[in-house]
């Protein structure tokens, strides 16, 4: 069953050469979201991985701005958990913590509300895609500053040639689909 579900998800990933810039092969997850069966399969596969790996030890799922918001709440619901949001800086009310990270063309900043988690709570970070690892690394830094324990980071797609997984170490990382 898991192989057929993974194939269903994989068939929905589209590739666009030279987008957004020449030389980049963009992996588009939009068709996964459009198709209820493939979206359900993606959430189910991620949930089964997390149950098998962590059992009932997860307290929250943390969804990353913005496409992690598409997977985070559904994954949390499937696991019977709450979901916390890690957003681009300036988008959350109240006291927040923030972290900067490098992009190819500059820098970006993420933030989380200071009261989003209690010290010692166990979290899994989710996003749609792992490329260089900058966003997930910044999210792990923020969660560490809240004294949360990051159990794992997960994504639908991983671009292995960009070595983002290495930037996350020692936090474990899991992806459903890997592309060069």
N, C-alpha and C. Protein backbone atom coordinates (compact mmCIF):
# COMPACT_ATOMS: atom_id res chain seq x y z
N UNK A 1 0.82 -1.20 0.00
CA UNK A 1 0.00 0.00 0.00
C UNK A 1 0.86 1.26 0.00
N UNK A 2 1.91 1.29 0.83
CA UNK A 2 2.74 2.49 0.92
C UNK A 2 3.42 2.80 -0.40
N UNK A 3 3.87 1.77 -1.14
CA UNK A 3 4.51 2.01 -2.44
C UNK A 3 3.54 2.63 -3.43
N UNK A 4 2.30 2.13 -3.47
CA UNK A 4 1.33 2.70 -4.41
C UNK A 4 0.96 4.13 -4.00
N UNK A 5 0.91 4.40 -2.70
CA UNK A 5 0.63 5.77 -2.23
C UNK A 5 1.77 6.70 -2.61
N UNK A 6 3.00 6.24 -2.43
CA UNK A 6 4.15 7.06 -2.80
C UNK A 6 4.18 7.33 -4.30
N UNK A 7 3.85 6.33 -5.09
CA UNK A 7 3.78 6.53 -6.55
C UNK A 7 2.70 7.53 -6.91
N UNK A 8 1.59 7.49 -6.23
CA UNK A 8 0.50 8.44 -6.47
C UNK A 8 0.99 9.87 -6.22
N UNK A 9 1.70 10.07 -5.12
CA UNK A 9 2.24 11.40 -4.81
C UNK A 9 3.28 11.79 -5.85
N UNK A 10 4.20 10.88 -6.15
CA UNK A 10 5.29 11.18 -7.08
C UNK A 10 4.77 11.56 -8.47
N UNK A 11 3.71 10.90 -8.93
CA UNK A 11 3.14 11.21 -10.24
C UNK A 11 2.57 12.63 -10.30
N UNK A 12 2.26 13.22 -9.14
CA UNK A 12 1.66 14.55 -9.11
C UNK A 12 2.70 15.67 -9.03
N UNK A 13 3.96 15.36 -8.83
CA UNK A 13 5.00 16.40 -8.78
C UNK A 13 5.37 16.76 -10.22
N UNK A 14 5.27 18.05 -10.54
CA UNK A 14 5.63 18.52 -11.88
C UNK A 14 6.98 19.20 -11.83
N UNK A 15 7.68 19.16 -12.95
CA UNK A 15 8.99 19.81 -13.07
C UNK A 15 8.93 20.90 -14.12
N UNK A 16 9.49 22.07 -13.77
CA UNK A 16 9.55 23.20 -14.69
C UNK A 16 11.00 23.65 -14.82
N UNK A 17 11.62 23.39 -15.99
CA UNK A 17 13.01 23.82 -16.18
C UNK A 17 13.12 25.35 -16.25
N UNK A 18 14.24 25.85 -15.76
CA UNK A 18 14.59 27.27 -15.83
C UNK A 18 13.58 28.18 -15.13
N UNK A 19 13.01 27.68 -14.04
CA UNK A 19 12.13 28.51 -13.21
C UNK A 19 12.59 28.40 -11.77
N UNK A 20 12.72 29.49 -11.05
CA UNK A 20 12.44 30.87 -11.41
C UNK A 20 13.59 31.55 -12.16
N UNK A 21 14.74 30.87 -12.27
CA UNK A 21 15.87 31.42 -13.00
C UNK A 21 16.48 30.33 -13.87
N UNK A 22 17.23 30.72 -14.91
CA UNK A 22 17.87 29.72 -15.77
C UNK A 22 18.75 28.77 -14.97
N UNK A 23 18.64 27.49 -15.32
CA UNK A 23 19.45 26.47 -14.66
C UNK A 23 18.77 25.79 -13.48
N UNK A 24 17.63 26.33 -13.03
CA UNK A 24 16.90 25.74 -11.90
C UNK A 24 15.79 24.85 -12.45
N UNK A 25 15.66 23.66 -11.88
CA UNK A 25 14.55 22.77 -12.21
C UNK A 25 13.58 22.81 -11.03
N UNK A 26 12.48 23.53 -11.20
CA UNK A 26 11.50 23.75 -10.13
C UNK A 26 10.61 22.54 -9.98
N UNK A 27 10.45 22.06 -8.75
CA UNK A 27 9.56 20.93 -8.43
C UNK A 27 8.27 21.51 -7.85
N UNK A 28 7.18 21.35 -8.59
CA UNK A 28 5.89 21.95 -8.25
C UNK A 28 5.00 20.94 -7.54
N UNK A 29 4.60 21.27 -6.31
CA UNK A 29 3.73 20.40 -5.53
C UNK A 29 2.24 20.72 -5.71
N UNK A 30 1.92 21.76 -6.48
CA UNK A 30 0.53 22.19 -6.64
C UNK A 30 -0.42 21.06 -7.04
N UNK A 31 -0.02 20.17 -7.97
CA UNK A 31 -0.94 19.08 -8.33
C UNK A 31 -1.23 18.11 -7.18
N UNK A 32 -0.31 17.97 -6.24
CA UNK A 32 -0.56 17.13 -5.06
C UNK A 32 -1.70 17.74 -4.26
N UNK A 33 -1.67 19.05 -4.10
CA UNK A 33 -2.71 19.74 -3.34
C UNK A 33 -4.06 19.71 -4.06
N UNK A 34 -4.01 19.72 -5.37
CA UNK A 34 -5.23 19.75 -6.18
C UNK A 34 -5.96 18.40 -6.15
N UNK A 35 -5.21 17.33 -5.97
CA UNK A 35 -5.77 15.98 -6.02
C UNK A 35 -5.96 15.43 -4.61
N UNK A 36 -7.21 15.29 -4.14
CA UNK A 36 -7.43 14.84 -2.76
C UNK A 36 -6.77 13.50 -2.44
N UNK A 37 -6.74 12.58 -3.37
CA UNK A 37 -6.16 11.26 -3.10
C UNK A 37 -4.65 11.36 -2.89
N UNK A 38 -3.97 12.14 -3.70
CA UNK A 38 -2.51 12.25 -3.53
C UNK A 38 -2.16 13.07 -2.28
N UNK A 39 -2.94 14.10 -1.98
CA UNK A 39 -2.68 14.87 -0.76
C UNK A 39 -2.90 13.99 0.47
N UNK A 40 -4.00 13.23 0.48
CA UNK A 40 -4.29 12.31 1.58
C UNK A 40 -3.17 11.28 1.72
N UNK A 41 -2.67 10.78 0.59
CA UNK A 41 -1.58 9.80 0.61
C UNK A 41 -0.32 10.42 1.21
N UNK A 42 0.00 11.66 0.81
CA UNK A 42 1.21 12.33 1.33
C UNK A 42 1.10 12.50 2.85
N UNK A 43 -0.03 12.96 3.33
CA UNK A 43 -0.22 13.15 4.77
C UNK A 43 -0.16 11.80 5.49
N UNK A 44 -0.79 10.79 4.92
CA UNK A 44 -0.78 9.47 5.53
C UNK A 44 0.62 8.88 5.61
N UNK A 45 1.40 9.03 4.56
CA UNK A 45 2.78 8.51 4.56
C UNK A 45 3.64 9.22 5.60
N UNK A 46 3.54 10.54 5.66
CA UNK A 46 4.31 11.28 6.66
C UNK A 46 3.87 10.89 8.08
N UNK A 47 2.56 10.77 8.29
CA UNK A 47 2.04 10.42 9.61
C UNK A 47 2.52 9.02 10.02
N UNK A 48 2.48 8.07 9.10
CA UNK A 48 2.92 6.71 9.44
C UNK A 48 4.42 6.69 9.77
N UNK A 49 5.20 7.46 9.02
CA UNK A 49 6.63 7.55 9.34
C UNK A 49 6.84 8.09 10.76
N UNK A 50 6.14 9.17 11.09
CA UNK A 50 6.32 9.79 12.41
C UNK A 50 5.82 8.87 13.54
N UNK A 51 4.72 8.17 13.32
CA UNK A 51 4.23 7.23 14.33
C UNK A 51 5.24 6.11 14.54
N UNK A 52 5.79 5.57 13.45
CA UNK A 52 6.75 4.47 13.55
C UNK A 52 8.05 4.92 14.21
N UNK A 53 8.46 6.16 13.93
CA UNK A 53 9.74 6.66 14.43
C UNK A 53 9.63 7.19 15.86
N UNK A 54 8.54 7.86 16.18
CA UNK A 54 8.44 8.56 17.46
C UNK A 54 7.28 8.10 18.35
N UNK A 55 6.44 7.22 17.83
CA UNK A 55 5.29 6.77 18.63
C UNK A 55 4.47 7.95 19.09
N UNK A 56 4.12 7.98 20.35
CA UNK A 56 3.33 9.07 20.91
C UNK A 56 4.16 10.15 21.56
N UNK A 57 5.43 10.26 21.22
CA UNK A 57 6.32 11.22 21.88
C UNK A 57 6.22 12.65 21.32
N UNK A 58 5.53 12.87 20.21
CA UNK A 58 5.45 14.20 19.60
C UNK A 58 4.36 15.00 20.30
N UNK A 59 4.69 16.25 20.66
CA UNK A 59 3.69 17.14 21.26
C UNK A 59 3.04 18.06 20.22
N UNK A 60 3.84 18.56 19.28
CA UNK A 60 3.32 19.51 18.28
C UNK A 60 4.02 19.32 16.94
N UNK A 61 3.31 19.73 15.90
CA UNK A 61 3.89 19.89 14.57
C UNK A 61 4.11 21.39 14.39
N UNK A 62 5.26 21.77 13.84
CA UNK A 62 5.54 23.18 13.52
C UNK A 62 5.55 23.32 12.00
N UNK A 63 4.63 24.10 11.47
CA UNK A 63 4.54 24.35 10.03
C UNK A 63 5.28 25.63 9.67
N UNK A 64 6.06 25.55 8.58
CA UNK A 64 6.87 26.70 8.15
C UNK A 64 6.16 27.51 7.08
N UNK A 65 6.27 28.82 7.20
CA UNK A 65 5.70 29.78 6.26
C UNK A 65 6.38 29.58 4.89
N UNK A 66 5.66 29.41 3.85
CA UNK A 66 4.21 29.39 3.79
C UNK A 66 3.68 28.02 3.40
N UNK A 67 4.40 27.27 2.59
CA UNK A 67 3.83 25.99 2.13
C UNK A 67 3.84 24.92 3.21
N UNK A 68 4.64 25.10 4.25
CA UNK A 68 4.55 24.19 5.39
C UNK A 68 3.22 24.32 6.10
N UNK A 69 2.55 25.47 5.90
CA UNK A 69 1.21 25.66 6.46
C UNK A 69 0.19 24.75 5.77
N UNK A 70 0.48 24.33 4.55
CA UNK A 70 -0.43 23.46 3.81
C UNK A 70 -0.38 22.03 4.34
N UNK A 71 0.80 21.62 4.81
CA UNK A 71 0.98 20.26 5.29
C UNK A 71 0.91 20.15 6.82
N UNK A 72 1.40 21.17 7.53
CA UNK A 72 1.47 21.11 8.98
C UNK A 72 0.14 20.84 9.67
N UNK A 73 -0.89 21.64 9.44
CA UNK A 73 -2.16 21.41 10.14
C UNK A 73 -2.81 20.06 9.80
N UNK A 74 -2.71 19.64 8.53
CA UNK A 74 -3.30 18.35 8.15
C UNK A 74 -2.54 17.20 8.80
N UNK A 75 -1.22 17.30 8.84
CA UNK A 75 -0.41 16.27 9.48
C UNK A 75 -0.70 16.24 10.98
N UNK A 76 -0.77 17.42 11.60
CA UNK A 76 -1.09 17.49 13.02
C UNK A 76 -2.46 16.87 13.30
N UNK A 77 -3.44 17.18 12.48
CA UNK A 77 -4.79 16.62 12.65
C UNK A 77 -4.76 15.10 12.54
N UNK A 78 -4.03 14.59 11.57
CA UNK A 78 -3.92 13.14 11.37
C UNK A 78 -3.30 12.45 12.59
N UNK A 79 -2.39 13.15 13.25
CA UNK A 79 -1.70 12.60 14.42
C UNK A 79 -2.40 12.95 15.75
N UNK A 80 -3.47 13.74 15.68
CA UNK A 80 -4.17 14.14 16.89
C UNK A 80 -3.38 15.16 17.71
N UNK A 81 -2.65 16.03 17.02
CA UNK A 81 -1.78 17.02 17.68
C UNK A 81 -2.18 18.43 17.29
N UNK A 82 -1.62 19.40 18.01
CA UNK A 82 -1.76 20.79 17.62
C UNK A 82 -0.64 21.17 16.65
N UNK A 83 -0.83 22.31 16.03
CA UNK A 83 0.16 22.82 15.07
C UNK A 83 0.53 24.25 15.47
N UNK A 84 1.83 24.52 15.53
CA UNK A 84 2.30 25.88 15.77
C UNK A 84 2.88 26.42 14.47
N UNK A 85 2.82 27.74 14.32
CA UNK A 85 3.27 28.38 13.09
C UNK A 85 4.59 29.09 13.28
N UNK A 86 5.47 28.92 12.32
CA UNK A 86 6.70 29.69 12.24
C UNK A 86 6.59 30.50 10.97
N UNK A 87 6.54 31.84 11.13
CA UNK A 87 6.19 32.73 10.03
C UNK A 87 7.34 33.62 9.64
N UNK A 88 7.15 34.27 8.50
CA UNK A 88 8.08 35.32 8.10
C UNK A 88 7.96 36.45 9.12
N UNK A 89 9.07 37.11 9.41
CA UNK A 89 9.09 38.13 10.45
C UNK A 89 8.11 39.26 10.14
N UNK A 90 7.41 39.69 11.19
CA UNK A 90 6.46 40.78 11.06
C UNK A 90 5.03 40.33 10.83
N UNK A 91 4.78 39.03 10.83
CA UNK A 91 3.44 38.50 10.54
C UNK A 91 2.70 37.99 11.77
N UNK A 92 3.39 37.89 12.91
CA UNK A 92 2.74 37.36 14.11
C UNK A 92 2.54 38.46 15.15
N UNK A 93 1.39 38.46 15.83
CA UNK A 93 1.16 39.45 16.89
C UNK A 93 1.83 39.02 18.19
N UNK A 94 1.97 39.97 19.08
CA UNK A 94 2.50 39.69 20.41
C UNK A 94 4.01 39.53 20.40
N UNK A 95 4.56 39.21 21.56
CA UNK A 95 6.01 39.03 21.66
C UNK A 95 6.48 37.83 20.84
N UNK A 96 7.55 38.01 20.08
CA UNK A 96 8.09 36.94 19.24
C UNK A 96 9.60 36.85 19.37
N UNK A 97 10.12 35.71 18.97
CA UNK A 97 11.56 35.52 18.77
C UNK A 97 11.77 35.40 17.28
N UNK A 98 12.90 35.87 16.79
CA UNK A 98 13.16 35.77 15.35
C UNK A 98 14.60 35.34 15.09
N UNK A 99 14.79 34.80 13.89
CA UNK A 99 16.11 34.36 13.44
C UNK A 99 16.27 34.71 11.97
N UNK A 100 17.49 35.10 11.59
CA UNK A 100 17.82 35.39 10.19
C UNK A 100 18.48 34.17 9.57
N UNK A 101 18.32 34.06 8.26
CA UNK A 101 19.03 33.01 7.53
C UNK A 101 19.33 33.50 6.13
N UNK A 102 20.34 32.89 5.52
CA UNK A 102 20.83 33.34 4.21
C UNK A 102 20.00 32.74 3.09
N UNK A 103 19.79 33.55 2.07
CA UNK A 103 19.21 33.12 0.80
C UNK A 103 20.25 33.34 -0.28
N UNK A 104 20.01 32.78 -1.47
CA UNK A 104 20.94 33.00 -2.58
C UNK A 104 21.11 34.49 -2.88
N UNK A 105 20.05 35.25 -2.67
CA UNK A 105 20.03 36.65 -3.09
C UNK A 105 19.95 37.63 -1.93
N UNK A 106 20.20 37.17 -0.71
CA UNK A 106 20.11 38.08 0.44
C UNK A 106 19.87 37.32 1.71
N UNK A 107 18.94 37.83 2.53
CA UNK A 107 18.60 37.12 3.76
C UNK A 107 17.10 37.22 4.00
N UNK A 108 16.63 36.34 4.87
CA UNK A 108 15.23 36.33 5.26
C UNK A 108 15.18 36.11 6.77
N UNK A 109 14.01 36.32 7.33
CA UNK A 109 13.85 36.17 8.78
C UNK A 109 12.55 35.43 9.09
N UNK A 110 12.63 34.54 10.06
CA UNK A 110 11.47 33.82 10.56
C UNK A 110 11.21 34.22 12.00
N UNK A 111 9.97 34.04 12.44
CA UNK A 111 9.65 34.31 13.84
C UNK A 111 8.63 33.31 14.35
N UNK A 112 8.59 33.21 15.68
CA UNK A 112 7.61 32.38 16.38
C UNK A 112 7.18 33.16 17.63
N UNK A 113 5.94 32.99 18.03
CA UNK A 113 5.47 33.64 19.25
C UNK A 113 6.17 33.04 20.46
N UNK A 114 6.55 33.91 21.39
CA UNK A 114 7.30 33.48 22.57
C UNK A 114 6.56 32.44 23.40
N UNK A 115 5.23 32.47 23.38
CA UNK A 115 4.45 31.52 24.18
C UNK A 115 3.91 30.34 23.36
N UNK A 116 4.48 30.12 22.17
CA UNK A 116 3.99 29.04 21.30
C UNK A 116 4.20 27.66 21.91
N UNK A 117 5.29 27.49 22.65
CA UNK A 117 5.64 26.20 23.24
C UNK A 117 6.21 26.39 24.63
N UNK A 118 6.10 25.35 25.43
CA UNK A 118 6.70 25.32 26.76
C UNK A 118 8.05 24.61 26.67
N UNK A 119 8.99 24.95 27.54
CA UNK A 119 10.28 24.24 27.54
C UNK A 119 10.06 22.72 27.67
N UNK A 120 10.82 21.98 26.87
CA UNK A 120 10.76 20.52 26.90
C UNK A 120 9.73 19.90 25.98
N UNK A 121 8.85 20.71 25.39
CA UNK A 121 7.87 20.11 24.49
C UNK A 121 8.59 19.64 23.22
N UNK A 122 8.08 18.52 22.68
CA UNK A 122 8.72 17.85 21.55
C UNK A 122 7.98 18.18 20.26
N UNK A 123 8.77 18.59 19.24
CA UNK A 123 8.20 19.16 18.03
C UNK A 123 8.81 18.49 16.80
N UNK A 124 7.99 18.35 15.76
CA UNK A 124 8.46 17.96 14.43
C UNK A 124 8.18 19.13 13.50
N UNK A 125 9.20 19.53 12.74
CA UNK A 125 9.09 20.64 11.80
C UNK A 125 8.72 20.08 10.43
N UNK A 126 7.74 20.72 9.75
CA UNK A 126 7.32 20.27 8.43
C UNK A 126 7.32 21.43 7.44
N UNK A 127 7.79 21.12 6.23
CA UNK A 127 7.72 22.05 5.10
C UNK A 127 7.46 21.22 3.85
N UNK A 128 7.18 21.90 2.75
CA UNK A 128 6.90 21.17 1.52
C UNK A 128 8.17 20.62 0.89
N UNK A 129 9.28 21.37 1.01
CA UNK A 129 10.49 21.04 0.27
C UNK A 129 11.72 21.45 1.06
N UNK A 130 12.75 20.61 1.01
CA UNK A 130 14.04 20.96 1.59
C UNK A 130 15.01 21.18 0.44
N UNK A 131 15.57 22.39 0.38
CA UNK A 131 16.59 22.71 -0.62
C UNK A 131 17.93 22.87 0.11
N UNK A 132 18.32 24.10 0.41
CA UNK A 132 19.60 24.34 1.08
C UNK A 132 19.54 24.12 2.58
N UNK A 133 18.34 24.08 3.14
CA UNK A 133 18.18 23.84 4.57
C UNK A 133 18.15 25.10 5.43
N UNK A 134 18.28 26.26 4.81
CA UNK A 134 18.33 27.50 5.58
C UNK A 134 17.07 27.78 6.39
N UNK A 135 15.92 27.59 5.78
CA UNK A 135 14.66 27.87 6.48
C UNK A 135 14.46 26.90 7.64
N UNK A 136 14.64 25.61 7.38
CA UNK A 136 14.45 24.63 8.45
C UNK A 136 15.48 24.81 9.56
N UNK A 137 16.70 25.14 9.20
CA UNK A 137 17.73 25.36 10.22
C UNK A 137 17.34 26.54 11.11
N UNK A 138 16.86 27.63 10.50
CA UNK A 138 16.42 28.79 11.28
C UNK A 138 15.25 28.42 12.19
N UNK A 139 14.33 27.60 11.68
CA UNK A 139 13.20 27.15 12.49
C UNK A 139 13.68 26.33 13.69
N UNK A 140 14.63 25.45 13.46
CA UNK A 140 15.18 24.65 14.57
C UNK A 140 15.87 25.54 15.59
N UNK A 141 16.55 26.58 15.11
CA UNK A 141 17.20 27.54 16.03
C UNK A 141 16.15 28.22 16.90
N UNK A 142 15.06 28.67 16.29
CA UNK A 142 13.99 29.33 17.06
C UNK A 142 13.38 28.38 18.10
N UNK A 143 13.12 27.17 17.69
CA UNK A 143 12.54 26.19 18.61
C UNK A 143 13.50 25.89 19.76
N UNK A 144 14.79 25.84 19.46
CA UNK A 144 15.78 25.64 20.51
C UNK A 144 15.80 26.80 21.50
N UNK A 145 15.61 28.01 21.00
CA UNK A 145 15.58 29.17 21.89
C UNK A 145 14.36 29.15 22.81
N UNK A 146 13.30 28.46 22.38
CA UNK A 146 12.12 28.26 23.24
C UNK A 146 12.31 27.05 24.15
N UNK A 147 13.46 26.41 24.04
CA UNK A 147 13.80 25.21 24.81
C UNK A 147 12.90 24.03 24.47
N UNK A 148 12.40 24.00 23.24
CA UNK A 148 11.65 22.85 22.74
C UNK A 148 12.67 21.83 22.22
N UNK A 149 12.26 20.59 22.16
CA UNK A 149 13.10 19.53 21.61
C UNK A 149 12.62 19.23 20.19
N UNK A 150 13.47 19.47 19.20
CA UNK A 150 13.12 19.16 17.81
C UNK A 150 13.47 17.69 17.58
N UNK A 151 12.44 16.88 17.41
CA UNK A 151 12.63 15.44 17.20
C UNK A 151 13.07 15.12 15.80
N UNK A 152 12.54 15.88 14.82
CA UNK A 152 12.82 15.57 13.42
C UNK A 152 12.28 16.71 12.56
N UNK A 153 12.83 16.83 11.36
CA UNK A 153 12.29 17.69 10.32
C UNK A 153 11.84 16.79 9.17
N UNK A 154 10.70 17.11 8.55
CA UNK A 154 10.18 16.31 7.44
C UNK A 154 9.71 17.23 6.32
N UNK A 155 9.76 16.68 5.11
CA UNK A 155 9.22 17.40 3.96
C UNK A 155 8.70 16.40 2.93
N UNK A 156 7.91 16.92 2.03
CA UNK A 156 7.41 16.12 0.92
C UNK A 156 8.55 15.82 -0.05
N UNK A 157 9.31 16.86 -0.42
CA UNK A 157 10.35 16.77 -1.45
C UNK A 157 11.69 17.22 -0.86
N UNK A 158 12.75 16.54 -1.28
CA UNK A 158 14.11 16.92 -0.91
C UNK A 158 14.95 17.04 -2.18
N UNK A 159 15.65 18.16 -2.32
CA UNK A 159 16.59 18.35 -3.43
C UNK A 159 17.98 17.97 -2.91
N UNK A 160 18.37 16.73 -3.14
CA UNK A 160 19.55 16.16 -2.49
C UNK A 160 20.86 16.85 -2.89
N UNK A 161 20.94 17.36 -4.10
CA UNK A 161 22.20 17.97 -4.56
C UNK A 161 22.53 19.25 -3.80
N UNK A 162 21.54 19.85 -3.13
CA UNK A 162 21.78 21.09 -2.38
C UNK A 162 22.21 20.83 -0.94
N UNK A 163 22.17 19.57 -0.51
CA UNK A 163 22.71 19.13 0.78
C UNK A 163 22.11 19.83 2.00
N UNK A 164 20.83 20.17 1.92
CA UNK A 164 20.17 20.80 3.05
C UNK A 164 20.12 19.93 4.28
N UNK A 165 20.05 18.63 4.08
CA UNK A 165 20.00 17.67 5.20
C UNK A 165 21.23 17.84 6.10
N UNK A 166 22.38 18.11 5.49
CA UNK A 166 23.62 18.28 6.26
C UNK A 166 23.54 19.50 7.18
N UNK A 167 22.88 20.55 6.72
CA UNK A 167 22.75 21.77 7.52
C UNK A 167 21.89 21.55 8.77
N UNK A 168 21.01 20.56 8.71
CA UNK A 168 20.10 20.29 9.83
C UNK A 168 20.73 19.42 10.92
N UNK A 169 21.79 18.71 10.58
CA UNK A 169 22.41 17.79 11.55
C UNK A 169 22.72 18.54 12.84
N UNK A 170 22.51 17.91 13.97
CA UNK A 170 22.20 16.50 14.22
C UNK A 170 20.70 16.16 14.23
N UNK A 171 19.84 17.10 13.86
CA UNK A 171 18.40 16.81 13.84
C UNK A 171 18.12 15.86 12.68
N UNK A 172 17.43 14.75 12.93
CA UNK A 172 17.10 13.82 11.84
C UNK A 172 16.19 14.48 10.81
N UNK A 173 16.31 14.02 9.57
CA UNK A 173 15.48 14.55 8.49
C UNK A 173 14.91 13.40 7.68
N UNK A 174 13.65 13.57 7.24
CA UNK A 174 12.96 12.57 6.41
C UNK A 174 12.22 13.28 5.31
N UNK A 175 12.28 12.72 4.09
CA UNK A 175 11.48 13.23 2.97
C UNK A 175 10.83 12.06 2.25
N UNK A 176 9.66 12.31 1.69
CA UNK A 176 8.98 11.27 0.91
C UNK A 176 9.66 11.05 -0.43
N UNK A 177 10.06 12.13 -1.09
CA UNK A 177 10.62 12.05 -2.45
C UNK A 177 11.93 12.80 -2.51
N UNK A 178 12.89 12.21 -3.20
CA UNK A 178 14.21 12.84 -3.35
C UNK A 178 14.50 13.04 -4.83
N UNK A 179 15.02 14.22 -5.15
CA UNK A 179 15.44 14.56 -6.51
C UNK A 179 16.82 15.18 -6.43
N UNK A 180 17.58 15.03 -7.50
CA UNK A 180 18.93 15.64 -7.55
C UNK A 180 18.84 17.12 -7.52
